[in-house]
């Protein structure tokens, strides 16, 4: 499936291995955010808060996507 990142506007080919593929295929979402932009958003969000997310989930059960 060919998709365009919502933030950087680059075009990507994704398949079943991408975690957003099924949501896009089943029309549960209309927007795709590439891994690089997703990581940048997470880094920026973490820098704007006063706590470390690993404190809330020390064993790493919940991962931000």
PDB file of N, CA and C in Angstrom:
ATOM      1  N   UNK A   1       0.849  -1.164   0.000  1.00  0.00           N
ATOM      2  CA  UNK A   1       0.000   0.000   0.000  1.00  0.00           C
ATOM      3  C   UNK A   1       0.904   1.239   0.000  1.00  0.00           C
ATOM      4  N   UNK A   2       0.577   2.188  -0.823  1.00  0.00           N
ATOM      5  CA  UNK A   2       1.357   3.427  -0.917  1.00  0.00           C
ATOM      6  C   UNK A   2       0.644   4.492  -0.083  1.00  0.00           C
ATOM      7  N   UNK A   3       1.409   5.092   0.858  1.00  0.00           N
ATOM      8  CA  UNK A   3       0.854   6.099   1.762  1.00  0.00           C
ATOM      9  C   UNK A   3       1.774   7.316   1.818  1.00  0.00           C
ATOM     10  N   UNK A   4       1.225   8.432   2.266  1.00  0.00           N
ATOM     11  CA  UNK A   4       1.986   9.663   2.429  1.00  0.00           C
ATOM     12  C   UNK A   4       1.964  10.057   3.892  1.00  0.00           C
ATOM     13  N   UNK A   5       3.128  10.373   4.441  1.00  0.00           N
ATOM     14  CA  UNK A   5       3.238  10.779   5.843  1.00  0.00           C
ATOM     15  C   UNK A   5       2.514  12.107   6.041  1.00  0.00           C
ATOM     16  N   UNK A   6       1.756  12.186   7.097  1.00  0.00           N
ATOM     17  CA  UNK A   6       0.987  13.379   7.409  1.00  0.00           C
ATOM     18  C   UNK A   6       1.886  14.573   7.711  1.00  0.00           C
ATOM     19  N   UNK A   7       3.070  14.328   8.265  1.00  0.00           N
ATOM     20  CA  UNK A   7       3.938  15.422   8.702  1.00  0.00           C
ATOM     21  C   UNK A   7       4.996  15.812   7.680  1.00  0.00           C
ATOM     22  N   UNK A   8       5.745  14.844   7.163  1.00  0.00           N
ATOM     23  CA  UNK A   8       6.853  15.184   6.256  1.00  0.00           C
ATOM     24  C   UNK A   8       6.459  15.125   4.784  1.00  0.00           C
ATOM     25  N   UNK A   9       5.271  14.585   4.481  1.00  0.00           N
ATOM     26  CA  UNK A   9       4.740  14.505   3.116  1.00  0.00           C
ATOM     27  C   UNK A   9       5.547  13.611   2.182  1.00  0.00           C
ATOM     28  N   UNK A  10       6.367  12.711   2.742  1.00  0.00           N
ATOM     29  CA  UNK A  10       7.084  11.748   1.908  1.00  0.00           C
ATOM     30  C   UNK A  10       6.177  10.548   1.660  1.00  0.00           C
ATOM     31  N   UNK A  11       6.383   9.894   0.536  1.00  0.00           N
ATOM     32  CA  UNK A  11       5.583   8.739   0.164  1.00  0.00           C
ATOM     33  C   UNK A  11       6.313   7.463   0.553  1.00  0.00           C
ATOM     34  N   UNK A  12       5.570   6.519   1.141  1.00  0.00           N
ATOM     35  CA  UNK A  12       6.127   5.249   1.600  1.00  0.00           C
ATOM     36  C   UNK A  12       5.277   4.094   1.089  1.00  0.00           C
ATOM     37  N   UNK A  13       5.933   2.963   0.866  1.00  0.00           N
ATOM     38  CA  UNK A  13       5.235   1.712   0.578  1.00  0.00           C
ATOM     39  C   UNK A  13       5.247   0.900   1.851  1.00  0.00           C
ATOM     40  N   UNK A  14       4.056   0.576   2.379  1.00  0.00           N
ATOM     41  CA  UNK A  14       3.983  -0.210   3.604  1.00  0.00           C
ATOM     42  C   UNK A  14       3.296  -1.535   3.312  1.00  0.00           C
ATOM     43  N   UNK A  15       3.534  -2.509   4.177  1.00  0.00           N
ATOM     44  CA  UNK A  15       2.892  -3.820   4.046  1.00  0.00           C
ATOM     45  C   UNK A  15       2.383  -4.254   5.419  1.00  0.00           C
ATOM     46  N   UNK A  16       2.034  -5.507   5.559  1.00  0.00           N
ATOM     47  CA  UNK A  16       1.430  -6.021   6.784  1.00  0.00           C
ATOM     48  C   UNK A  16       2.345  -5.887   7.997  1.00  0.00           C
ATOM     49  N   UNK A  17       3.644  -5.740   7.799  1.00  0.00           N
ATOM     50  CA  UNK A  17       4.563  -5.656   8.930  1.00  0.00           C
ATOM     51  C   UNK A  17       4.498  -4.293   9.625  1.00  0.00           C
ATOM     52  N   UNK A  18       3.951  -3.279   8.973  1.00  0.00           N
ATOM     53  CA  UNK A  18       3.816  -1.960   9.592  1.00  0.00           C
ATOM     54  C   UNK A  18       2.593  -1.952  10.504  1.00  0.00           C
ATOM     55  N   UNK A  19       2.747  -1.407  11.716  1.00  0.00           N
ATOM     56  CA  UNK A  19       1.666  -1.447  12.697  1.00  0.00           C
ATOM     57  C   UNK A  19       0.457  -0.601  12.295  1.00  0.00           C
ATOM     58  N   UNK A  20       0.600   0.315  11.370  1.00  0.00           N
ATOM     59  CA  UNK A  20      -0.517   1.160  10.945  1.00  0.00           C
ATOM     60  C   UNK A  20      -1.255   0.585   9.734  1.00  0.00           C
ATOM     61  N   UNK A  21      -0.714  -0.463   9.132  1.00  0.00           N
ATOM     62  CA  UNK A  21      -1.260  -1.013   7.892  1.00  0.00           C
ATOM     63  C   UNK A  21      -2.723  -1.440   8.043  1.00  0.00           C
ATOM     64  N   UNK A  22      -3.028  -2.225   9.073  1.00  0.00           N
ATOM     65  CA  UNK A  22      -4.392  -2.744   9.227  1.00  0.00           C
ATOM     66  C   UNK A  22      -5.400  -1.627   9.489  1.00  0.00           C
ATOM     67  N   UNK A  23      -5.012  -0.631  10.274  1.00  0.00           N
ATOM     68  CA  UNK A  23      -5.926   0.489  10.526  1.00  0.00           C
ATOM     69  C   UNK A  23      -6.239   1.243   9.240  1.00  0.00           C
ATOM     70  N   UNK A  24      -5.226   1.424   8.406  1.00  0.00           N
ATOM     71  CA  UNK A  24      -5.448   2.117   7.132  1.00  0.00           C
ATOM     72  C   UNK A  24      -6.263   1.256   6.173  1.00  0.00           C
ATOM     73  N   UNK A  25      -5.950  -0.020   6.139  1.00  0.00           N
ATOM     74  CA  UNK A  25      -6.652  -0.937   5.235  1.00  0.00           C
ATOM     75  C   UNK A  25      -8.132  -1.046   5.602  1.00  0.00           C
ATOM     76  N   UNK A  26      -8.421  -1.107   6.909  1.00  0.00           N
ATOM     77  CA  UNK A  26      -9.800  -1.246   7.371  1.00  0.00           C
ATOM     78  C   UNK A  26     -10.518   0.093   7.522  1.00  0.00           C
ATOM     79  N   UNK A  27      -9.863   1.161   7.061  1.00  0.00           N
ATOM     80  CA  UNK A  27     -10.418   2.512   7.087  1.00  0.00           C
ATOM     81  C   UNK A  27     -10.778   2.972   8.500  1.00  0.00           C
ATOM     82  N   UNK A  28     -10.000   2.501   9.493  1.00  0.00           N
ATOM     83  CA  UNK A  28     -10.161   2.983  10.864  1.00  0.00           C
ATOM     84  C   UNK A  28      -9.389   4.284  11.057  1.00  0.00           C
ATOM     85  N   UNK A  29      -8.478   4.567  10.140  1.00  0.00           N
ATOM     86  CA  UNK A  29      -7.696   5.802  10.180  1.00  0.00           C
ATOM     87  C   UNK A  29      -7.432   6.250   8.754  1.00  0.00           C
ATOM     88  N   UNK A  30      -7.315   7.552   8.571  1.00  0.00           N
ATOM     89  CA  UNK A  30      -7.004   8.094   7.250  1.00  0.00           C
ATOM     90  C   UNK A  30      -5.601   8.656   7.179  1.00  0.00           C
ATOM     91  N   UNK A  31      -4.897   8.679   8.309  1.00  0.00           N
ATOM     92  CA  UNK A  31      -3.611   9.350   8.385  1.00  0.00           C
ATOM     93  C   UNK A  31      -2.485   8.375   8.703  1.00  0.00           C
ATOM     94  N   UNK A  32      -1.351   8.590   8.060  1.00  0.00           N
ATOM     95  CA  UNK A  32      -0.155   7.789   8.288  1.00  0.00           C
ATOM     96  C   UNK A  32       0.957   8.712   8.764  1.00  0.00           C
ATOM     97  N   UNK A  33       1.684   8.296   9.805  1.00  0.00           N
ATOM     98  CA  UNK A  33       2.855   9.022  10.299  1.00  0.00           C
ATOM     99  C   UNK A  33       4.027   8.051  10.234  1.00  0.00           C
ATOM    100  N   UNK A  34       5.077   8.432   9.509  1.00  0.00           N
ATOM    101  CA  UNK A  34       6.233   7.546   9.338  1.00  0.00           C
ATOM    102  C   UNK A  34       6.978   7.375  10.663  1.00  0.00           C
ATOM    103  N   UNK A  35       7.819   6.362  10.720  1.00  0.00           N
ATOM    104  CA  UNK A  35       8.540   6.044  11.953  1.00  0.00           C
ATOM    105  C   UNK A  35       9.455   7.181  12.391  1.00  0.00           C
ATOM    106  N   UNK A  36      10.098   7.837  11.452  1.00  0.00           N
ATOM    107  CA  UNK A  36      10.997   8.928  11.789  1.00  0.00           C
ATOM    108  C   UNK A  36      10.226  10.095  12.421  1.00  0.00           C
ATOM    109  N   UNK A  37       9.122  10.491  11.816  1.00  0.00           N
ATOM    110  CA  UNK A  37       8.306  11.576  12.372  1.00  0.00           C
ATOM    111  C   UNK A  37       7.701  11.163  13.714  1.00  0.00           C
ATOM    112  N   UNK A  38       7.287   9.909  13.822  1.00  0.00           N
ATOM    113  CA  UNK A  38       6.730   9.400  15.066  1.00  0.00           C
ATOM    114  C   UNK A  38       7.767   9.497  16.190  1.00  0.00           C
ATOM    115  N   UNK A  39       9.005   9.086  15.907  1.00  0.00           N
ATOM    116  CA  UNK A  39      10.068   9.168  16.911  1.00  0.00           C
ATOM    117  C   UNK A  39      10.354  10.611  17.289  1.00  0.00           C
ATOM    118  N   UNK A  40      10.366  11.506  16.305  1.00  0.00           N
ATOM    119  CA  UNK A  40      10.602  12.924  16.586  1.00  0.00           C
ATOM    120  C   UNK A  40       9.507  13.506  17.473  1.00  0.00           C
ATOM    121  N   UNK A  41       8.256  13.138  17.210  1.00  0.00           N
ATOM    122  CA  UNK A  41       7.144  13.604  18.039  1.00  0.00           C
ATOM    123  C   UNK A  41       7.271  13.102  19.467  1.00  0.00           C
ATOM    124  N   UNK A  42       7.645  11.835  19.624  1.00  0.00           N
ATOM    125  CA  UNK A  42       7.804  11.262  20.957  1.00  0.00           C
ATOM    126  C   UNK A  42       8.917  11.962  21.726  1.00  0.00           C
ATOM    127  N   UNK A  43      10.043  12.202  21.047  1.00  0.00           N
ATOM    128  CA  UNK A  43      11.171  12.884  21.692  1.00  0.00           C
ATOM    129  C   UNK A  43      10.759  14.282  22.150  1.00  0.00           C
ATOM    130  N   UNK A  44      10.048  15.006  21.295  1.00  0.00           N
ATOM    131  CA  UNK A  44       9.629  16.358  21.638  1.00  0.00           C
ATOM    132  C   UNK A  44       8.644  16.343  22.797  1.00  0.00           C
ATOM    133  N   UNK A  45       7.716  15.400  22.786  1.00  0.00           N
ATOM    134  CA  UNK A  45       6.739  15.306  23.871  1.00  0.00           C
ATOM    135  C   UNK A  45       7.435  14.983  25.192  1.00  0.00           C
ATOM    136  N   UNK A  46       8.413  14.090  25.151  1.00  0.00           N
ATOM    137  CA  UNK A  46       9.142  13.733  26.374  1.00  0.00           C
ATOM    138  C   UNK A  46       9.958  14.898  26.902  1.00  0.00           C
ATOM    139  N   UNK A  47      10.475  15.732  26.018  1.00  0.00           N
ATOM    140  CA  UNK A  47      11.283  16.868  26.466  1.00  0.00           C
ATOM    141  C   UNK A  47      10.420  17.965  27.086  1.00  0.00           C
ATOM    142  N   UNK A  48       9.112  17.937  26.844  1.00  0.00           N
ATOM    143  CA  UNK A  48       8.214  18.963  27.371  1.00  0.00           C
ATOM    144  C   UNK A  48       7.541  18.575  28.678  1.00  0.00           C
ATOM    145  N   UNK A  49       7.865  17.405  29.228  1.00  0.00           N
ATOM    146  CA  UNK A  49       7.273  16.972  30.495  1.00  0.00           C
ATOM    147  C   UNK A  49       8.374  16.797  31.534  1.00  0.00           C
ATOM    148  N   UNK A  50       7.980  16.800  32.802  1.00  0.00           N
ATOM    149  CA  UNK A  50       8.947  16.739  33.888  1.00  0.00           C
ATOM    150  C   UNK A  50       9.164  15.334  34.443  1.00  0.00           C
ATOM    151  N   UNK A  51       8.667  14.299  33.788  1.00  0.00           N
ATOM    152  CA  UNK A  51       8.865  12.945  34.277  1.00  0.00           C
ATOM    153  C   UNK A  51       9.396  12.049  33.176  1.00  0.00           C
ATOM    154  N   UNK A  52       9.937  10.938  33.587  1.00  0.00           N
ATOM    155  CA  UNK A  52      10.481   9.954  32.659  1.00  0.00           C
ATOM    156  C   UNK A  52       9.435   8.860  32.453  1.00  0.00           C
ATOM    157  N   UNK A  53       9.010   8.567  31.223  1.00  0.00           N
ATOM    158  CA  UNK A  53       7.977   7.552  30.992  1.00  0.00           C
ATOM    159  C   UNK A  53       8.358   6.168  31.513  1.00  0.00           C
ATOM    160  N   UNK A  54       9.641   5.875  31.609  1.00  0.00           N
ATOM    161  CA  UNK A  54      10.048   4.552  32.101  1.00  0.00           C
ATOM    162  C   UNK A  54       9.709   4.379  33.574  1.00  0.00           C
ATOM    163  N   UNK A  55       9.524   5.464  34.314  1.00  0.00           N
ATOM    164  CA  UNK A  55       9.125   5.376  35.717  1.00  0.00           C
ATOM    165  C   UNK A  55       7.701   4.839  35.823  1.00  0.00           C
ATOM    166  N   UNK A  56       6.838   5.238  34.894  1.00  0.00           N
ATOM    167  CA  UNK A  56       5.451   4.793  34.914  1.00  0.00           C
ATOM    168  C   UNK A  56       5.296   3.346  34.485  1.00  0.00           C
ATOM    169  N   UNK A  57       6.175   2.875  33.629  1.00  0.00           N
ATOM    170  CA  UNK A  57       6.105   1.498  33.122  1.00  0.00           C
ATOM    171  C   UNK A  57       7.517   0.904  33.118  1.00  0.00           C
ATOM    172  N   UNK A  58       8.048   0.558  34.286  1.00  0.00           N
ATOM    173  CA  UNK A  58       9.452   0.127  34.368  1.00  0.00           C
ATOM    174  C   UNK A  58       9.757  -1.154  33.602  1.00  0.00           C
ATOM    175  N   UNK A  59       8.785  -2.024  33.384  1.00  0.00           N
ATOM    176  CA  UNK A  59       9.035  -3.282  32.679  1.00  0.00           C
ATOM    177  C   UNK A  59       8.798  -3.174  31.177  1.00  0.00           C
ATOM    178  N   UNK A  60       8.355  -2.012  30.718  1.00  0.00           N
ATOM    179  CA  UNK A  60       8.186  -1.770  29.282  1.00  0.00           C
ATOM    180  C   UNK A  60       7.001  -2.454  28.646  1.00  0.00           C
ATOM    181  N   UNK A  61       5.923  -2.634  29.403  1.00  0.00           N
ATOM    182  CA  UNK A  61       4.752  -3.300  28.836  1.00  0.00           C
ATOM    183  C   UNK A  61       4.015  -2.417  27.829  1.00  0.00           C
ATOM    184  N   UNK A  62       3.922  -1.130  28.094  1.00  0.00           N
ATOM    185  CA  UNK A  62       3.209  -0.212  27.212  1.00  0.00           C
ATOM    186  C   UNK A  62       4.229   0.600  26.426  1.00  0.00           C
ATOM    187  N   UNK A  63       4.135   0.551  25.118  1.00  0.00           N
ATOM    188  CA  UNK A  63       5.040   1.321  24.254  1.00  0.00           C
ATOM    189  C   UNK A  63       4.248   2.380  23.532  1.00  0.00           C
ATOM    190  N   UNK A  64       4.796   3.609  23.474  1.00  0.00           N
ATOM    191  CA  UNK A  64       4.151   4.670  22.711  1.00  0.00           C
ATOM    192  C   UNK A  64       4.399   4.430  21.229  1.00  0.00           C
ATOM    193  N   UNK A  65       3.367   4.640  20.438  1.00  0.00           N
ATOM    194  CA  UNK A  65       3.507   4.447  18.991  1.00  0.00           C
ATOM    195  C   UNK A  65       3.335   5.735  18.269  1.00  0.00           C
TER     196      UNK A  65
END
